[in-house]
Amino acid sequence: MSKRNVVDSSAWLEYFADTRRAKHFERPLEDTENLIVPVITIYEVFKKILRE
């Protein structure tokens, strides 16, 4: 069985903002074949971006 990546909203926000910590999340986020994105994560990121 292959490894799956579930990444929380804080990781997505770091990645989108291209912060210094974003590099830690690049590999799991860009491995789309093994990426799982919960609906709550999409909602949280959308809410934060909308506020900004």
PDB file of N, CA and C in Angstrom:
ATOM      1  N   MET A   1       0.849  -1.180   0.000  1.00  0.00           N
ATOM      2  CA  MET A   1       0.000   0.000   0.000  1.00  0.00           C
ATOM      3  C   MET A   1       0.894   1.242   0.000  1.00  0.00           C
ATOM      4  N   SER A   2       0.523   2.214  -0.814  1.00  0.00           N
ATOM      5  CA  SER A   2       1.321   3.436  -0.900  1.00  0.00           C
ATOM      6  C   SER A   2       0.961   4.401   0.226  1.00  0.00           C
ATOM      7  N   LYS A   3       1.870   5.268   0.502  1.00  0.00           N
ATOM      8  CA  LYS A   3       1.699   6.268   1.560  1.00  0.00           C
ATOM      9  C   LYS A   3       0.757   7.378   1.080  1.00  0.00           C
ATOM     10  N   ARG A   4      -0.185   7.747   1.906  1.00  0.00           N
ATOM     11  CA  ARG A   4      -1.120   8.836   1.599  1.00  0.00           C
ATOM     12  C   ARG A   4      -0.751  10.056   2.431  1.00  0.00           C
ATOM     13  N   ASN A   5      -0.984  11.223   1.871  1.00  0.00           N
ATOM     14  CA  ASN A   5      -0.680  12.479   2.552  1.00  0.00           C
ATOM     15  C   ASN A   5      -1.968  13.243   2.838  1.00  0.00           C
ATOM     16  N   VAL A   6      -2.216  13.486   4.106  1.00  0.00           N
ATOM     17  CA  VAL A   6      -3.319  14.342   4.524  1.00  0.00           C
ATOM     18  C   VAL A   6      -2.668  15.554   5.166  1.00  0.00           C
ATOM     19  N   VAL A   7      -2.894  16.719   4.556  1.00  0.00           N
ATOM     20  CA  VAL A   7      -2.230  17.935   5.020  1.00  0.00           C
ATOM     21  C   VAL A   7      -3.291  18.911   5.524  1.00  0.00           C
ATOM     22  N   ASP A   8      -3.067  19.475   6.700  1.00  0.00           N
ATOM     23  CA  ASP A   8      -4.073  20.361   7.290  1.00  0.00           C
ATOM     24  C   ASP A   8      -4.035  21.764   6.681  1.00  0.00           C
ATOM     25  N   SER A   9      -4.976  22.585   7.085  1.00  0.00           N
ATOM     26  CA  SER A   9      -5.137  23.919   6.495  1.00  0.00           C
ATOM     27  C   SER A   9      -3.919  24.815   6.737  1.00  0.00           C
ATOM     28  N   SER A  10      -3.268  24.669   7.870  1.00  0.00           N
ATOM     29  CA  SER A  10      -2.105  25.528   8.135  1.00  0.00           C
ATOM     30  C   SER A  10      -0.992  25.269   7.125  1.00  0.00           C
ATOM     31  N   ALA A  11      -0.825  24.043   6.717  1.00  0.00           N
ATOM     32  CA  ALA A  11       0.191  23.716   5.711  1.00  0.00           C
ATOM     33  C   ALA A  11      -0.150  24.348   4.368  1.00  0.00           C
ATOM     34  N   TRP A  12      -1.410  24.265   3.975  1.00  0.00           N
ATOM     35  CA  TRP A  12      -1.843  24.891   2.724  1.00  0.00           C
ATOM     36  C   TRP A  12      -1.622  26.395   2.761  1.00  0.00           C
ATOM     37  N   LEU A  13      -1.943  27.025   3.875  1.00  0.00           N
ATOM     38  CA  LEU A  13      -1.781  28.475   3.979  1.00  0.00           C
ATOM     39  C   LEU A  13      -0.308  28.872   3.901  1.00  0.00           C
ATOM     40  N   GLU A  14       0.557  28.111   4.522  1.00  0.00           N
ATOM     41  CA  GLU A  14       2.000  28.366   4.426  1.00  0.00           C
ATOM     42  C   GLU A  14       2.455  28.222   2.973  1.00  0.00           C
ATOM     43  N   TYR A  15       1.974  27.193   2.319  1.00  0.00           N
ATOM     44  CA  TYR A  15       2.344  26.908   0.930  1.00  0.00           C
ATOM     45  C   TYR A  15       1.879  28.025   0.000  1.00  0.00           C
ATOM     46  N   PHE A  16       0.619  28.427   0.123  1.00  0.00           N
ATOM     47  CA  PHE A  16       0.073  29.480  -0.736  1.00  0.00           C
ATOM     48  C   PHE A  16       0.750  30.829  -0.496  1.00  0.00           C
ATOM     49  N   ALA A  17       1.115  31.098   0.748  1.00  0.00           N
ATOM     50  CA  ALA A  17       1.768  32.367   1.086  1.00  0.00           C
ATOM     51  C   ALA A  17       3.269  32.328   0.790  1.00  0.00           C
ATOM     52  N   ASP A  18       3.775  31.161   0.448  1.00  0.00           N
ATOM     53  CA  ASP A  18       5.188  30.968   0.136  1.00  0.00           C
ATOM     54  C   ASP A  18       6.084  31.470   1.266  1.00  0.00           C
ATOM     55  N   THR A  19       5.746  31.066   2.484  1.00  0.00           N
ATOM     56  CA  THR A  19       6.549  31.442   3.651  1.00  0.00           C
ATOM     57  C   THR A  19       7.817  30.598   3.695  1.00  0.00           C
ATOM     58  N   ARG A  20       8.679  30.890   4.659  1.00  0.00           N
ATOM     59  CA  ARG A  20       9.926  30.113   4.780  1.00  0.00           C
ATOM     60  C   ARG A  20       9.654  28.658   5.155  1.00  0.00           C
ATOM     61  N   ARG A  21       8.504  28.383   5.759  1.00  0.00           N
ATOM     62  CA  ARG A  21       8.148  27.007   6.117  1.00  0.00           C
ATOM     63  C   ARG A  21       7.466  26.248   4.982  1.00  0.00           C
ATOM     64  N   ALA A  22       7.118  26.950   3.920  1.00  0.00           N
ATOM     65  CA  ALA A  22       6.408  26.330   2.798  1.00  0.00           C
ATOM     66  C   ALA A  22       7.174  25.161   2.192  1.00  0.00           C
ATOM     67  N   LYS A  23       8.500  25.246   2.197  1.00  0.00           N
ATOM     68  CA  LYS A  23       9.309  24.183   1.592  1.00  0.00           C
ATOM     69  C   LYS A  23       9.086  22.825   2.271  1.00  0.00           C
ATOM     70  N   HIS A  24       8.708  22.829   3.541  1.00  0.00           N
ATOM     71  CA  HIS A  24       8.459  21.581   4.260  1.00  0.00           C
ATOM     72  C   HIS A  24       7.209  20.867   3.740  1.00  0.00           C
ATOM     73  N   PHE A  25       6.329  21.612   3.108  1.00  0.00           N
ATOM     74  CA  PHE A  25       5.063  21.050   2.648  1.00  0.00           C
ATOM     75  C   PHE A  25       5.019  20.799   1.146  1.00  0.00           C
ATOM     76  N   GLU A  26       6.034  21.240   0.436  1.00  0.00           N
ATOM     77  CA  GLU A  26       6.027  21.112  -1.026  1.00  0.00           C
ATOM     78  C   GLU A  26       5.865  19.672  -1.491  1.00  0.00           C
ATOM     79  N   ARG A  27       6.682  18.787  -0.992  1.00  0.00           N
ATOM     80  CA  ARG A  27       6.660  17.402  -1.475  1.00  0.00           C
ATOM     81  C   ARG A  27       5.303  16.731  -1.261  1.00  0.00           C
ATOM     82  N   PRO A  28       4.739  16.756  -0.045  1.00  0.00           N
ATOM     83  CA  PRO A  28       3.438  16.090   0.118  1.00  0.00           C
ATOM     84  C   PRO A  28       2.306  16.763  -0.660  1.00  0.00           C
ATOM     85  N   LEU A  29       2.335  18.101  -0.777  1.00  0.00           N
ATOM     86  CA  LEU A  29       1.260  18.791  -1.494  1.00  0.00           C
ATOM     87  C   LEU A  29       1.348  18.594  -3.001  1.00  0.00           C
ATOM     88  N   GLU A  30       2.535  18.488  -3.517  1.00  0.00           N
ATOM     89  CA  GLU A  30       2.705  18.329  -4.957  1.00  0.00           C
ATOM     90  C   GLU A  30       2.622  16.874  -5.414  1.00  0.00           C
ATOM     91  N   ASP A  31       2.601  15.960  -4.477  1.00  0.00           N
ATOM     92  CA  ASP A  31       2.406  14.539  -4.804  1.00  0.00           C
ATOM     93  C   ASP A  31       0.902  14.267  -4.859  1.00  0.00           C
ATOM     94  N   THR A  32       0.262  14.789  -5.891  1.00  0.00           N
ATOM     95  CA  THR A  32      -1.203  14.773  -5.969  1.00  0.00           C
ATOM     96  C   THR A  32      -1.795  13.377  -6.054  1.00  0.00           C
ATOM     97  N   GLU A  33      -1.020  12.428  -6.520  1.00  0.00           N
ATOM     98  CA  GLU A  33      -1.523  11.054  -6.615  1.00  0.00           C
ATOM     99  C   GLU A  33      -1.791  10.463  -5.230  1.00  0.00           C
ATOM    100  N   ASN A  34      -1.073  10.928  -4.225  1.00  0.00           N
ATOM    101  CA  ASN A  34      -1.216  10.401  -2.871  1.00  0.00           C
ATOM    102  C   ASN A  34      -1.787  11.424  -1.888  1.00  0.00           C
ATOM    103  N   LEU A  35      -2.302  12.511  -2.408  1.00  0.00           N
ATOM    104  CA  LEU A  35      -2.811  13.586  -1.560  1.00  0.00           C
ATOM    105  C   LEU A  35      -4.300  13.410  -1.277  1.00  0.00           C
ATOM    106  N   ILE A  36      -4.648  13.538  -0.015  1.00  0.00           N
ATOM    107  CA  ILE A  36      -6.049  13.506   0.408  1.00  0.00           C
ATOM    108  C   ILE A  36      -6.346  14.873   1.027  1.00  0.00           C
ATOM    109  N   VAL A  37      -7.407  15.519   0.533  1.00  0.00           N
ATOM    110  CA  VAL A  37      -7.770  16.843   1.032  1.00  0.00           C
ATOM    111  C   VAL A  37      -9.178  16.776   1.625  1.00  0.00           C
ATOM    112  N   PRO A  38      -9.283  16.788   2.949  1.00  0.00           N
ATOM    113  CA  PRO A  38     -10.604  16.764   3.583  1.00  0.00           C
ATOM    114  C   PRO A  38     -11.399  18.035   3.262  1.00  0.00           C
ATOM    115  N   VAL A  39     -12.679  17.904   3.180  1.00  0.00           N
ATOM    116  CA  VAL A  39     -13.552  19.042   2.881  1.00  0.00           C
ATOM    117  C   VAL A  39     -13.373  20.148   3.910  1.00  0.00           C
ATOM    118  N   ILE A  40     -13.213  19.816   5.167  1.00  0.00           N
ATOM    119  CA  ILE A  40     -13.053  20.832   6.210  1.00  0.00           C
ATOM    120  C   ILE A  40     -11.789  21.665   5.958  1.00  0.00           C
ATOM    121  N   THR A  41     -10.754  21.052   5.417  1.00  0.00           N
ATOM    122  CA  THR A  41      -9.521  21.769   5.102  1.00  0.00           C
ATOM    123  C   THR A  41      -9.765  22.789   3.997  1.00  0.00           C
ATOM    124  N   ILE A  42     -10.487  22.388   2.966  1.00  0.00           N
ATOM    125  CA  ILE A  42     -10.816  23.306   1.874  1.00  0.00           C
ATOM    126  C   ILE A  42     -11.614  24.485   2.424  1.00  0.00           C
ATOM    127  N   TYR A  43     -12.569  24.196   3.273  1.00  0.00           N
ATOM    128  CA  TYR A  43     -13.403  25.244   3.874  1.00  0.00           C
ATOM    129  C   TYR A  43     -12.567  26.220   4.698  1.00  0.00           C
ATOM    130  N   GLU A  44     -11.673  25.696   5.542  1.00  0.00           N
ATOM    131  CA  GLU A  44     -10.852  26.552   6.401  1.00  0.00           C
ATOM    132  C   GLU A  44      -9.926  27.450   5.584  1.00  0.00           C
ATOM    133  N   VAL A  45      -9.322  26.903   4.551  1.00  0.00           N
ATOM    134  CA  VAL A  45      -8.428  27.689   3.700  1.00  0.00           C
ATOM    135  C   VAL A  45      -9.227  28.752   2.950  1.00  0.00           C
ATOM    136  N   PHE A  46     -10.368  28.381   2.416  1.00  0.00           N
ATOM    137  CA  PHE A  46     -11.222  29.329   1.704  1.00  0.00           C
ATOM    138  C   PHE A  46     -11.625  30.482   2.624  1.00  0.00           C
ATOM    139  N   LYS A  47     -12.044  30.155   3.843  1.00  0.00           N
ATOM    140  CA  LYS A  47     -12.456  31.166   4.810  1.00  0.00           C
ATOM    141  C   LYS A  47     -11.314  32.152   5.118  1.00  0.00           C
ATOM    142  N   LYS A  48     -10.143  31.634   5.322  1.00  0.00           N
ATOM    143  CA  LYS A  48      -8.976  32.476   5.645  1.00  0.00           C
ATOM    144  C   LYS A  48      -8.617  33.379   4.465  1.00  0.00           C
ATOM    145  N   ILE A  49      -8.584  32.809   3.270  1.00  0.00           N
ATOM    146  CA  ILE A  49      -8.241  33.599   2.081  1.00  0.00           C
ATOM    147  C   ILE A  49      -9.298  34.656   1.820  1.00  0.00           C
ATOM    148  N   LEU A  50     -10.542  34.333   2.033  1.00  0.00           N
ATOM    149  CA  LEU A  50     -11.629  35.284   1.835  1.00  0.00           C
ATOM    150  C   LEU A  50     -11.484  36.478   2.782  1.00  0.00           C
ATOM    151  N   ARG A  51     -11.080  36.217   4.025  1.00  0.00           N
ATOM    152  CA  ARG A  51     -10.875  37.291   5.009  1.00  0.00           C
ATOM    153  C   ARG A  51      -9.723  38.203   4.627  1.00  0.00           C
ATOM    154  N   GLU A  52      -8.709  37.623   4.030  1.00  0.00           N
ATOM    155  CA  GLU A  52      -7.524  38.398   3.653  1.00  0.00           C
ATOM    156  C   GLU A  52      -7.877  39.258   2.478  1.00  0.00           C
TER     157      GLU A  52
END
